[in-house]
PDB file of all heavy atoms in Angstrom:
ATOM      1  N   GLN A   1      79.468 108.198  66.745  1.00  0.00           N
ATOM      2  CA  GLN A   1      79.719 106.876  66.181  1.00  0.00           C
ATOM      3  C   GLN A   1      81.077 106.345  66.622  1.00  0.00           C
ATOM      4  O   GLN A   1      81.228 105.159  66.955  1.00  0.00           O
ATOM      5  CB  GLN A   1      79.642 106.952  64.655  1.00  0.00           C
ATOM      6  CG  GLN A   1      79.602 105.591  63.969  1.00  0.00           C
ATOM      7  CD  GLN A   1      79.441 105.722  62.459  1.00  0.00           C
ATOM      8  OE1 GLN A   1      79.356 106.838  61.924  1.00  0.00           O
ATOM      9  NE2 GLN A   1      79.416 104.592  61.774  1.00  0.00           N
ATOM     10  N   GLN A   2      82.083 107.203  66.644  1.00  0.00           N
ATOM     11  CA  GLN A   2      83.398 106.782  67.136  1.00  0.00           C
ATOM     12  C   GLN A   2      83.355 106.420  68.607  1.00  0.00           C
ATOM     13  O   GLN A   2      83.910 105.396  69.033  1.00  0.00           O
ATOM     14  CB  GLN A   2      84.431 107.900  66.913  1.00  0.00           C
ATOM     15  CG  GLN A   2      84.850 108.093  65.470  1.00  0.00           C
ATOM     16  CD  GLN A   2      85.709 109.327  65.328  1.00  0.00           C
ATOM     17  OE1 GLN A   2      85.212 110.413  65.033  1.00  0.00           O
ATOM     18  NE2 GLN A   2      87.006 109.186  65.553  1.00  0.00           N
ATOM     19  N   LEU A   3      82.705 107.259  69.413  1.00  0.00           N
ATOM     20  CA  LEU A   3      82.621 106.999  70.845  1.00  0.00           C
ATOM     21  C   LEU A   3      81.851 105.710  71.120  1.00  0.00           C
ATOM     22  O   LEU A   3      82.233 104.911  71.978  1.00  0.00           O
ATOM     23  CB  LEU A   3      81.966 108.178  71.555  1.00  0.00           C
ATOM     24  CG  LEU A   3      82.695 109.525  71.430  1.00  0.00           C
ATOM     25  CD1 LEU A   3      81.877 110.638  72.080  1.00  0.00           C
ATOM     26  CD2 LEU A   3      84.087 109.460  72.046  1.00  0.00           C
ATOM     27  N   ASP A   4      80.769 105.486  70.376  1.00  0.00           N
ATOM     28  CA  ASP A   4      79.998 104.258  70.545  1.00  0.00           C
ATOM     29  C   ASP A   4      80.821 103.021  70.192  1.00  0.00           C
ATOM     30  O   ASP A   4      80.659 101.957  70.800  1.00  0.00           O
ATOM     31  CB  ASP A   4      78.747 104.289  69.674  1.00  0.00           C
ATOM     32  CG  ASP A   4      77.697 105.271  70.177  1.00  0.00           C
ATOM     33  OD1 ASP A   4      77.814 105.718  71.335  1.00  0.00           O
ATOM     34  OD2 ASP A   4      76.763 105.586  69.416  1.00  0.00           O
ATOM     35  N   SER A   5      81.725 103.167  69.231  1.00  0.00           N
ATOM     36  CA  SER A   5      82.497 102.008  68.768  1.00  0.00           C
ATOM     37  C   SER A   5      83.471 101.496  69.815  1.00  0.00           C
ATOM     38  O   SER A   5      83.966 100.368  69.703  1.00  0.00           O
ATOM     39  CB  SER A   5      83.255 102.365  67.480  1.00  0.00           C
ATOM     40  OG  SER A   5      84.368 103.206  67.758  1.00  0.00           O
ATOM     41  N   VAL A   6      83.767 102.308  70.836  1.00  0.00           N
ATOM     42  CA  VAL A   6      84.692 101.876  71.889  1.00  0.00           C
ATOM     43  C   VAL A   6      83.980 101.766  73.232  1.00  0.00           C
ATOM     44  O   VAL A   6      84.603 101.817  74.288  1.00  0.00           O
ATOM     45  CB  VAL A   6      85.895 102.841  72.002  1.00  0.00           C
ATOM     46  CG1 VAL A   6      86.748 102.772  70.750  1.00  0.00           C
ATOM     47  CG2 VAL A   6      85.442 104.276  72.257  1.00  0.00           C
ATOM     48  N   SER A   7      82.657 101.579  73.197  1.00  0.00           N
ATOM     49  CA  SER A   7      81.890 101.518  74.440  1.00  0.00           C
ATOM     50  C   SER A   7      82.232 100.288  75.269  1.00  0.00           C
ATOM     51  O   SER A   7      81.908 100.239  76.463  1.00  0.00           O
ATOM     52  CB  SER A   7      80.384 101.547  74.143  1.00  0.00           C
ATOM     53  OG  SER A   7      80.019 100.467  73.294  1.00  0.00           O
ATOM     54  N   GLY A   8      82.912  99.299  74.683  1.00  0.00           N
ATOM     55  CA  GLY A   8      83.372  98.158  75.461  1.00  0.00           C
ATOM     56  C   GLY A   8      84.314  98.549  76.580  1.00  0.00           C
ATOM     57  O   GLY A   8      84.499  97.798  77.546  1.00  0.00           O
ATOM     58  N   LEU A   9      84.899  99.738  76.462  1.00  0.00           N
ATOM     59  CA  LEU A   9      85.772 100.252  77.517  1.00  0.00           C
ATOM     60  C   LEU A   9      85.026 100.364  78.849  1.00  0.00           C
ATOM     61  O   LEU A   9      85.628 100.265  79.924  1.00  0.00           O
ATOM     62  CB  LEU A   9      86.306 101.621  77.094  1.00  0.00           C
ATOM     63  CG  LEU A   9      87.282 102.343  78.012  1.00  0.00           C
ATOM     64  CD1 LEU A   9      88.606 101.600  78.081  1.00  0.00           C
ATOM     65  CD2 LEU A   9      87.521 103.768  77.526  1.00  0.00           C
ATOM     66  N   LEU A  10      83.714 100.549  78.785  1.00  0.00           N
ATOM     67  CA  LEU A  10      82.918 100.762  79.996  1.00  0.00           C
ATOM     68  C   LEU A  10      82.721  99.488  80.806  1.00  0.00           C
ATOM     69  O   LEU A  10      82.360  99.558  81.987  1.00  0.00           O
ATOM     70  CB  LEU A  10      81.556 101.346  79.628  1.00  0.00           C
ATOM     71  CG  LEU A  10      81.552 102.724  78.958  1.00  0.00           C
ATOM     72  CD1 LEU A  10      80.156 103.070  78.462  1.00  0.00           C
ATOM     73  CD2 LEU A  10      82.051 103.787  79.921  1.00  0.00           C
ATOM     74  N   THR A  11      82.922  98.344  80.215  1.00  0.00           N
ATOM     75  CA  THR A  11      82.571  97.086  80.882  1.00  0.00           C
ATOM     76  C   THR A  11      83.754  96.157  81.110  1.00  0.00           C
ATOM     77  O   THR A  11      83.567  95.013  81.514  1.00  0.00           O
ATOM     78  CB  THR A  11      81.501  96.347  80.064  1.00  0.00           C
ATOM     79  OG1 THR A  11      81.979  96.115  78.729  1.00  0.00           O
ATOM     80  CG2 THR A  11      80.208  97.147  80.007  1.00  0.00           C
ATOM     81  N   VAL A  12      84.974  96.622  80.876  1.00  0.00           N
ATOM     82  CA  VAL A  12      86.120  95.721  81.049  1.00  0.00           C
ATOM     83  C   VAL A  12      86.423  95.455  82.521  1.00  0.00           C
ATOM     84  O   VAL A  12      87.070  94.461  82.852  1.00  0.00           O
ATOM     85  CB  VAL A  12      87.386  96.258  80.342  1.00  0.00           C
ATOM     86  CG1 VAL A  12      87.232  96.215  78.849  1.00  0.00           C
ATOM     87  CG2 VAL A  12      87.724  97.668  80.808  1.00  0.00           C
ATOM     88  N   LEU A  13      85.959  96.338  83.411  1.00  0.00           N
ATOM     89  CA  LEU A  13      86.113  96.117  84.850  1.00  0.00           C
ATOM     90  C   LEU A  13      84.720  95.947  85.455  1.00  0.00           C
ATOM     91  O   LEU A  13      83.906  96.871  85.402  1.00  0.00           O
ATOM     92  CB  LEU A  13      86.819  97.307  85.521  1.00  0.00           C
ATOM     93  CG  LEU A  13      88.205  97.683  84.995  1.00  0.00           C
ATOM     94  CD1 LEU A  13      88.753  98.863  85.792  1.00  0.00           C
ATOM     95  CD2 LEU A  13      89.158  96.510  85.051  1.00  0.00           C
ATOM     96  N   GLN A  14      84.450  94.760  86.013  1.00  0.00           N
ATOM     97  CA  GLN A  14      83.106  94.493  86.516  1.00  0.00           C
ATOM     98  C   GLN A  14      83.075  94.029  87.965  1.00  0.00           C
ATOM     99  O   GLN A  14      82.048  94.155  88.636  1.00  0.00           O
ATOM    100  CB  GLN A  14      82.417  93.446  85.626  1.00  0.00           C
ATOM    101  CG  GLN A  14      82.204  93.907  84.203  1.00  0.00           C
ATOM    102  CD  GLN A  14      81.414  92.916  83.370  1.00  0.00           C
ATOM    103  OE1 GLN A  14      81.315  91.736  83.713  1.00  0.00           O
ATOM    104  NE2 GLN A  14      80.841  93.394  82.281  1.00  0.00           N
ATOM    105  N   THR A  15      84.167  93.487  88.457  1.00  0.00           N
ATOM    106  CA  THR A  15      84.198  92.966  89.820  1.00  0.00           C
ATOM    107  C   THR A  15      85.384  93.559  90.570  1.00  0.00           C
ATOM    108  O   THR A  15      86.326  94.073  89.949  1.00  0.00           O
ATOM    109  CB  THR A  15      84.336  91.428  89.813  1.00  0.00           C
ATOM    110  OG1 THR A  15      85.643  91.074  89.342  1.00  0.00           O
ATOM    111  CG2 THR A  15      83.273  90.789  88.923  1.00  0.00           C
ATOM    112  N   PRO A  16      85.388  93.476  91.905  1.00  0.00           N
ATOM    113  CA  PRO A  16      86.546  93.951  92.653  1.00  0.00           C
ATOM    114  C   PRO A  16      87.843  93.283  92.238  1.00  0.00           C
ATOM    115  O   PRO A  16      88.897  93.931  92.217  1.00  0.00           O
ATOM    116  CB  PRO A  16      86.176  93.624  94.101  1.00  0.00           C
ATOM    117  CG  PRO A  16      84.689  93.641  94.128  1.00  0.00           C
ATOM    118  CD  PRO A  16      84.271  93.089  92.798  1.00  0.00           C
ATOM    119  N   GLU A  17      87.763  92.016  91.876  1.00  0.00           N
ATOM    120  CA  GLU A  17      88.974  91.296  91.466  1.00  0.00           C
ATOM    121  C   GLU A  17      89.556  91.860  90.168  1.00  0.00           C
ATOM    122  O   GLU A  17      90.765  91.748  89.920  1.00  0.00           O
ATOM    123  CB  GLU A  17      88.663  89.805  91.291  1.00  0.00           C
ATOM    124  CG  GLU A  17      88.395  89.054  92.586  1.00  0.00           C
ATOM    125  CD  GLU A  17      87.042  89.402  93.200  1.00  0.00           C
ATOM    126  OE1 GLU A  17      86.121  89.809  92.437  1.00  0.00           O
ATOM    127  OE2 GLU A  17      86.918  89.307  94.431  1.00  0.00           O
ATOM    128  N   ASP A  18      88.698  92.468  89.338  1.00  0.00           N
ATOM    129  CA  ASP A  18      89.176  93.051  88.079  1.00  0.00           C
ATOM    130  C   ASP A  18      90.036  94.289  88.306  1.00  0.00           C
ATOM    131  O   ASP A  18      90.694  94.767  87.373  1.00  0.00           O
ATOM    132  CB  ASP A  18      87.986  93.455  87.195  1.00  0.00           C
ATOM    133  CG  ASP A  18      87.211  92.265  86.657  1.00  0.00           C
ATOM    134  OD1 ASP A  18      87.802  91.177  86.546  1.00  0.00           O
ATOM    135  OD2 ASP A  18      86.010  92.439  86.360  1.00  0.00           O
ATOM    136  N   CYS A  19      90.019  94.809  89.518  1.00  0.00           N
ATOM    137  CA  CYS A  19      90.696  96.076  89.802  1.00  0.00           C
ATOM    138  C   CYS A  19      92.147  95.898  90.231  1.00  0.00           C
ATOM    139  O   CYS A  19      92.800  96.869  90.624  1.00  0.00           O
ATOM    140  CB  CYS A  19      89.942  96.835  90.882  1.00  0.00           C
ATOM    141  SG  CYS A  19      88.249  97.260  90.408  1.00  0.00           S
ATOM    142  N   PHE A  20      92.660  94.680  90.123  1.00  0.00           N
ATOM    143  CA  PHE A  20      94.044  94.413  90.481  1.00  0.00           C
ATOM    144  C   PHE A  20      94.875  94.192  89.220  1.00  0.00           C
ATOM    145  O   PHE A  20      94.430  93.536  88.278  1.00  0.00           O
ATOM    146  CB  PHE A  20      94.151  93.176  91.387  1.00  0.00           C
ATOM    147  CG  PHE A  20      93.692  93.425  92.791  1.00  0.00           C
ATOM    148  CD1 PHE A  20      92.341  93.427  93.099  1.00  0.00           C
ATOM    149  CD2 PHE A  20      94.614  93.680  93.806  1.00  0.00           C
ATOM    150  CE1 PHE A  20      91.909  93.667  94.396  1.00  0.00           C
ATOM    151  CE2 PHE A  20      94.193  93.920  95.107  1.00  0.00           C
ATOM    152  CZ  PHE A  20      92.842  93.914  95.398  1.00  0.00           C
ATOM    153  N   GLU A  21      96.078  94.751  89.228  1.00  0.00           N
ATOM    154  CA  GLU A  21      97.001  94.587  88.105  1.00  0.00           C
ATOM    155  C   GLU A  21      98.416  94.542  88.671  1.00  0.00           C
ATOM    156  O   GLU A  21      98.828  95.441  89.415  1.00  0.00           O
ATOM    157  CB  GLU A  21      96.867  95.768  87.127  1.00  0.00           C
ATOM    158  CG  GLU A  21      97.812  95.716  85.931  1.00  0.00           C
ATOM    159  CD  GLU A  21      97.272  94.885  84.784  1.00  0.00           C
ATOM    160  OE1 GLU A  21      96.313  94.125  85.005  1.00  0.00           O
ATOM    161  OE2 GLU A  21      97.809  95.009  83.673  1.00  0.00           O
ATOM    162  N   ASP A  22      99.154  93.491  88.350  1.00  0.00           N
ATOM    163  CA  ASP A  22     100.535  93.337  88.838  1.00  0.00           C
ATOM    164  C   ASP A  22     100.604  93.465  90.364  1.00  0.00           C
ATOM    165  O   ASP A  22     101.546  94.057  90.912  1.00  0.00           O
ATOM    166  CB  ASP A  22     101.449  94.392  88.192  1.00  0.00           C
ATOM    167  CG  ASP A  22     101.520  94.244  86.678  1.00  0.00           C
ATOM    168  OD1 ASP A  22     101.453  93.101  86.200  1.00  0.00           O
ATOM    169  OD2 ASP A  22     101.631  95.274  85.997  1.00  0.00           O
ATOM    170  N   GLY A  23      99.591  92.918  91.047  1.00  0.00           N
ATOM    171  CA  GLY A  23      99.566  92.986  92.500  1.00  0.00           C
ATOM    172  C   GLY A  23      99.180  94.336  93.065  1.00  0.00           C
ATOM    173  O   GLY A  23      99.240  94.541  94.277  1.00  0.00           O
ATOM    174  N   ILE A  24      98.789  95.281  92.209  1.00  0.00           N
ATOM    175  CA  ILE A  24      98.430  96.639  92.635  1.00  0.00           C
ATOM    176  C   ILE A  24      96.911  96.770  92.683  1.00  0.00           C
ATOM    177  O   ILE A  24      96.220  96.424  91.713  1.00  0.00           O
ATOM    178  CB  ILE A  24      99.011  97.684  91.664  1.00  0.00           C
ATOM    179  CG1 ILE A  24     100.536  97.597  91.628  1.00  0.00           C
ATOM    180  CG2 ILE A  24      98.558  99.093  92.039  1.00  0.00           C
ATOM    181  CD1 ILE A  24     101.160  98.362  90.481  1.00  0.00           C
ATOM    182  N   ASP A  25      96.377  97.249  93.791  1.00  0.00           N
ATOM    183  CA  ASP A  25      94.957  97.551  93.887  1.00  0.00           C
ATOM    184  C   ASP A  25      94.745  98.947  93.296  1.00  0.00           C
ATOM    185  O   ASP A  25      95.093  99.967  93.904  1.00  0.00           O
ATOM    186  CB  ASP A  25      94.510  97.521  95.351  1.00  0.00           C
ATOM    187  CG  ASP A  25      92.993  97.672  95.498  1.00  0.00           C
ATOM    188  OD1 ASP A  25      92.348  98.126  94.537  1.00  0.00           O
ATOM    189  OD2 ASP A  25      92.479  97.341  96.580  1.00  0.00           O
ATOM    190  N   CYS A  26      94.190  98.978  92.102  1.00  0.00           N
ATOM    191  CA  CYS A  26      94.094 100.237  91.357  1.00  0.00           C
ATOM    192  C   CYS A  26      93.066 101.199  91.945  1.00  0.00           C
ATOM    193  O   CYS A  26      92.958 102.343  91.490  1.00  0.00           O
ATOM    194  CB  CYS A  26      93.763  99.955  89.898  1.00  0.00           C
ATOM    195  SG  CYS A  26      95.034  98.995  89.056  1.00  0.00           S
ATOM    196  N   ARG A  27      92.333 100.769  92.957  1.00  0.00           N
ATOM    197  CA  ARG A  27      91.371 101.642  93.621  1.00  0.00           C
ATOM    198  C   ARG A  27      92.038 102.511  94.679  1.00  0.00           C
ATOM    199  O   ARG A  27      91.419 103.428  95.209  1.00  0.00           O
ATOM    200  CB  ARG A  27      90.273 100.797  94.278  1.00  0.00           C
ATOM    201  CG  ARG A  27      89.491  99.920  93.304  1.00  0.00           C
ATOM    202  CD  ARG A  27      88.620  98.920  94.033  1.00  0.00           C
ATOM    203  NE  ARG A  27      89.433  97.995  94.838  1.00  0.00           N
ATOM    204  CZ  ARG A  27      88.927  97.006  95.580  1.00  0.00           C
ATOM    205  NH1 ARG A  27      87.616  96.822  95.619  1.00  0.00           N
ATOM    206  NH2 ARG A  27      89.721  96.223  96.273  1.00  0.00           N
ATOM    207  N   ASN A  28      93.288 102.230  94.971  1.00  0.00           N
ATOM    208  CA  ASN A  28      93.955 102.870  96.099  1.00  0.00           C
ATOM    209  C   ASN A  28      94.995 103.878  95.625  1.00  0.00           C
ATOM    210  O   ASN A  28      95.216 104.067  94.429  1.00  0.00           O
ATOM    211  CB  ASN A  28      94.598 101.802  96.988  1.00  0.00           C
ATOM    212  CG  ASN A  28      94.498 102.139  98.460  1.00  0.00           C
ATOM    213  OD1 ASN A  28      94.544 103.308  98.842  1.00  0.00           O
ATOM    214  ND2 ASN A  28      94.346 101.119  99.290  1.00  0.00           N
ATOM    215  N   TYR A  29      95.655 104.535  96.583  1.00  0.00           N
ATOM    216  CA  TYR A  29      96.736 105.465  96.268  1.00  0.00           C
ATOM    217  C   TYR A  29      97.931 104.720  95.665  1.00  0.00           C
ATOM    218  O   TYR A  29      98.052 103.506  95.763  1.00  0.00           O
ATOM    219  CB  TYR A  29      97.214 106.163  97.546  1.00  0.00           C
ATOM    220  CG  TYR A  29      96.240 107.127  98.176  1.00  0.00           C
ATOM    221  CD1 TYR A  29      95.982 107.070  99.544  1.00  0.00           C
ATOM    222  CD2 TYR A  29      95.612 108.105  97.430  1.00  0.00           C
ATOM    223  CE1 TYR A  29      95.113 107.966 100.155  1.00  0.00           C
ATOM    224  CE2 TYR A  29      94.737 109.005  98.027  1.00  0.00           C
ATOM    225  CZ  TYR A  29      94.494 108.932  99.389  1.00  0.00           C
ATOM    226  OH  TYR A  29      93.638 109.825  99.981  1.00  0.00           O
ATOM    227  N   GLY A  30      98.843 105.507  95.100  1.00  0.00           N
ATOM    228  CA  GLY A  30     100.124 104.955  94.672  1.00  0.00           C
ATOM    229  C   GLY A  30     100.343 104.995  93.176  1.00  0.00           C
ATOM    230  O   GLY A  30      99.450 105.326  92.400  1.00  0.00           O
ATOM    231  N   GLU A  31     101.571 104.654  92.778  1.00  0.00           N
ATOM    232  CA  GLU A  31     101.978 104.583  91.365  1.00  0.00           C
ATOM    233  C   GLU A  31     101.744 105.924  90.663  1.00  0.00           C
ATOM    234  O   GLU A  31     101.055 106.008  89.645  1.00  0.00           O
ATOM    235  CB  GLU A  31     101.242 103.452  90.624  1.00  0.00           C
ATOM    236  CG  GLU A  31     101.406 102.082  91.245  1.00  0.00           C
ATOM    237  CD  GLU A  31     102.846 101.600  91.279  1.00  0.00           C
ATOM    238  OE1 GLU A  31     103.610 101.962  90.361  1.00  0.00           O
ATOM    239  OE2 GLU A  31     103.204 100.881  92.223  1.00  0.00           O
ATOM    240  N   LEU A  32     102.361 106.971  91.208  1.00  0.00           N
ATOM    241  CA  LEU A  32     102.161 108.308  90.658  1.00  0.00           C
ATOM    242  C   LEU A  32     102.493 108.381  89.178  1.00  0.00           C
ATOM    243  O   LEU A  32     101.794 109.032  88.400  1.00  0.00           O
ATOM    244  CB  LEU A  32     103.010 109.324  91.436  1.00  0.00           C
ATOM    245  CG  LEU A  32     103.024 110.764  90.906  1.00  0.00           C
ATOM    246  CD1 LEU A  32     101.614 111.335  90.862  1.00  0.00           C
ATOM    247  CD2 LEU A  32     103.929 111.636  91.762  1.00  0.00           C
ATOM    248  N   ALA A  33     103.557 107.723  88.751  1.00  0.00           N
ATOM    249  CA  ALA A  33     103.974 107.788  87.346  1.00  0.00           C
ATOM    250  C   ALA A  33     103.145 106.874  86.442  1.00  0.00           C
ATOM    251  O   ALA A  33     103.373 106.830  85.236  1.00  0.00           O
ATOM    252  CB  ALA A  33     105.449 107.437  87.216  1.00  0.00           C
ATOM    253  N   GLY A  34     102.164 106.191  87.013  1.00  0.00           N
ATOM    254  CA  GLY A  34     101.292 105.359  86.202  1.00  0.00           C
ATOM    255  C   GLY A  34     101.463 103.880  86.472  1.00  0.00           C
ATOM    256  O   GLY A  34     102.523 103.430  86.938  1.00  0.00           O
ATOM    257  N   LEU A  35     100.427 103.104  86.181  1.00  0.00           N
ATOM    258  CA  LEU A  35     100.535 101.651  86.294  1.00  0.00           C
ATOM    259  C   LEU A  35     101.662 101.141  85.406  1.00  0.00           C
ATOM    260  O   LEU A  35     101.827 101.624  84.274  1.00  0.00           O
ATOM    261  CB  LEU A  35      99.233 100.994  85.847  1.00  0.00           C
ATOM    262  CG  LEU A  35      98.032 101.040  86.789  1.00  0.00           C
ATOM    263  CD1 LEU A  35      96.830 100.388  86.111  1.00  0.00           C
ATOM    264  CD2 LEU A  35      98.362 100.340  88.096  1.00  0.00           C
ATOM    265  N   PRO A  36     102.439 100.175  85.874  1.00  0.00           N
ATOM    266  CA  PRO A  36     103.488  99.610  85.013  1.00  0.00           C
ATOM    267  C   PRO A  36     102.954  99.149  83.657  1.00  0.00           C
ATOM    268  O   PRO A  36     103.602  99.360  82.632  1.00  0.00           O
ATOM    269  CB  PRO A  36     104.020  98.444  85.847  1.00  0.00           C
ATOM    270  CG  PRO A  36     103.780  98.854  87.262  1.00  0.00           C
ATOM    271  CD  PRO A  36     102.477  99.617  87.239  1.00  0.00           C
ATOM    272  N   SER A  37     101.766  98.557  83.640  1.00  0.00           N
ATOM    273  CA  SER A  37     101.206  98.085  82.370  1.00  0.00           C
ATOM    274  C   SER A  37     100.824  99.254  81.472  1.00  0.00           C
ATOM    275  O   SER A  37     100.932  99.167  80.233  1.00  0.00           O
ATOM    276  CB  SER A  37      99.989  97.199  82.625  1.00  0.00           C
ATOM    277  OG  SER A  37      99.002  97.887  83.380  1.00  0.00           O
ATOM    278  N   ALA A  38     100.380 100.374  82.050  1.00  0.00           N
ATOM    279  CA  ALA A  38     100.039 101.556  81.254  1.00  0.00           C
ATOM    280  C   ALA A  38     101.301 102.210  80.698  1.00  0.00           C
ATOM    281  O   ALA A  38     101.318 102.674  79.547  1.00  0.00           O
ATOM    282  CB  ALA A  38      99.249 102.558  82.097  1.00  0.00           C
ATOM    283  N   ARG A  39     102.358 102.227  81.492  1.00  0.00           N
ATOM    284  CA  ARG A  39     103.624 102.779  81.012  1.00  0.00           C
ATOM    285  C   ARG A  39     104.194 101.905  79.887  1.00  0.00           C
ATOM    286  O   ARG A  39     104.724 102.418  78.891  1.00  0.00           O
ATOM    287  CB  ARG A  39     104.619 102.901  82.159  1.00  0.00           C
ATOM    288  CG  ARG A  39     104.143 103.827  83.275  1.00  0.00           C
ATOM    289  CD  ARG A  39     105.126 103.923  84.416  1.00  0.00           C
ATOM    290  NE  ARG A  39     106.272 104.765  84.073  1.00  0.00           N
ATOM    291  CZ  ARG A  39     107.287 105.004  84.885  1.00  0.00           C
ATOM    292  NH1 ARG A  39     107.319 104.457  86.101  1.00  0.00           N
ATOM    293  NH2 ARG A  39     108.286 105.786  84.497  1.00  0.00           N
ATOM    294  N   ALA A  40     104.042 100.582  80.030  1.00  0.00           N
ATOM    295  CA  ALA A  40     104.515  99.670  78.984  1.00  0.00           C
ATOM    296  C   ALA A  40     103.687  99.838  77.711  1.00  0.00           C
ATOM    297  O   ALA A  40     104.216  99.757  76.589  1.00  0.00           O
ATOM    298  CB  ALA A  40     104.444  98.223  79.474  1.00  0.00           C
ATOM    299  N   TYR A  41     102.375 100.088  77.872  1.00  0.00           N
ATOM    300  CA  TYR A  41     101.510 100.297  76.707  1.00  0.00           C
ATOM    301  C   TYR A  41     101.978 101.510  75.907  1.00  0.00           C
ATOM    302  O   TYR A  41     102.145 101.442  74.679  1.00  0.00           O
ATOM    303  CB  TYR A  41     100.058 100.495  77.152  1.00  0.00           C
ATOM    304  CG  TYR A  41      99.160 100.969  76.025  1.00  0.00           C
ATOM    305  CD1 TYR A  41      98.676 100.077  75.081  1.00  0.00           C
ATOM    306  CD2 TYR A  41      98.828 102.321  75.883  1.00  0.00           C
ATOM    307  CE1 TYR A  41      97.882 100.508  74.021  1.00  0.00           C
ATOM    308  CE2 TYR A  41      98.030 102.763  74.840  1.00  0.00           C
ATOM    309  CZ  TYR A  41      97.561 101.852  73.909  1.00  0.00           C
ATOM    310  OH  TYR A  41      96.787 102.290  72.862  1.00  0.00           O
ATOM    311  N   TRP A  42     102.209 102.628  76.598  1.00  0.00           N
ATOM    312  CA  TRP A  42     102.617 103.832  75.877  1.00  0.00           C
ATOM    313  C   TRP A  42     104.024 103.695  75.304  1.00  0.00           C
ATOM    314  O   TRP A  42     104.317 104.222  74.226  1.00  0.00           O
ATOM    315  CB  TRP A  42     102.520 105.058  76.778  1.00  0.00           C
ATOM    316  CG  TRP A  42     101.138 105.610  76.853  1.00  0.00           C
ATOM    317  CD1 TRP A  42     100.325 105.701  77.939  1.00  0.00           C
ATOM    318  CD2 TRP A  42     100.385 106.163  75.755  1.00  0.00           C
ATOM    319  NE1 TRP A  42      99.123 106.267  77.598  1.00  0.00           N
ATOM    320  CE2 TRP A  42      99.131 106.563  76.271  1.00  0.00           C
ATOM    321  CE3 TRP A  42     100.649 106.349  74.401  1.00  0.00           C
ATOM    322  CZ2 TRP A  42      98.151 107.147  75.468  1.00  0.00           C
ATOM    323  CZ3 TRP A  42      99.677 106.928  73.606  1.00  0.00           C
ATOM    324  CH2 TRP A  42      98.448 107.313  74.135  1.00  0.00           C
ATOM    325  N   ALA A  43     104.900 102.974  75.988  1.00  0.00           N
ATOM    326  CA  ALA A  43     106.230 102.730  75.439  1.00  0.00           C
ATOM    327  C   ALA A  43     106.124 101.947  74.132  1.00  0.00           C
ATOM    328  O   ALA A  43     106.851 102.206  73.166  1.00  0.00           O
ATOM    329  CB  ALA A  43     107.089 101.973  76.446  1.00  0.00           C
TER     330      ALA A  43
END
């Protein structure tokens, strides 16, 4: 029930354009310490 309640996580990325964040193509190498937005989220 908990896992089902967050199933929207599966559909937030649907197109190639959705895979870019802060000019970073998240499908590619790089950003070893994490996406800037992910680091800001945890901060």
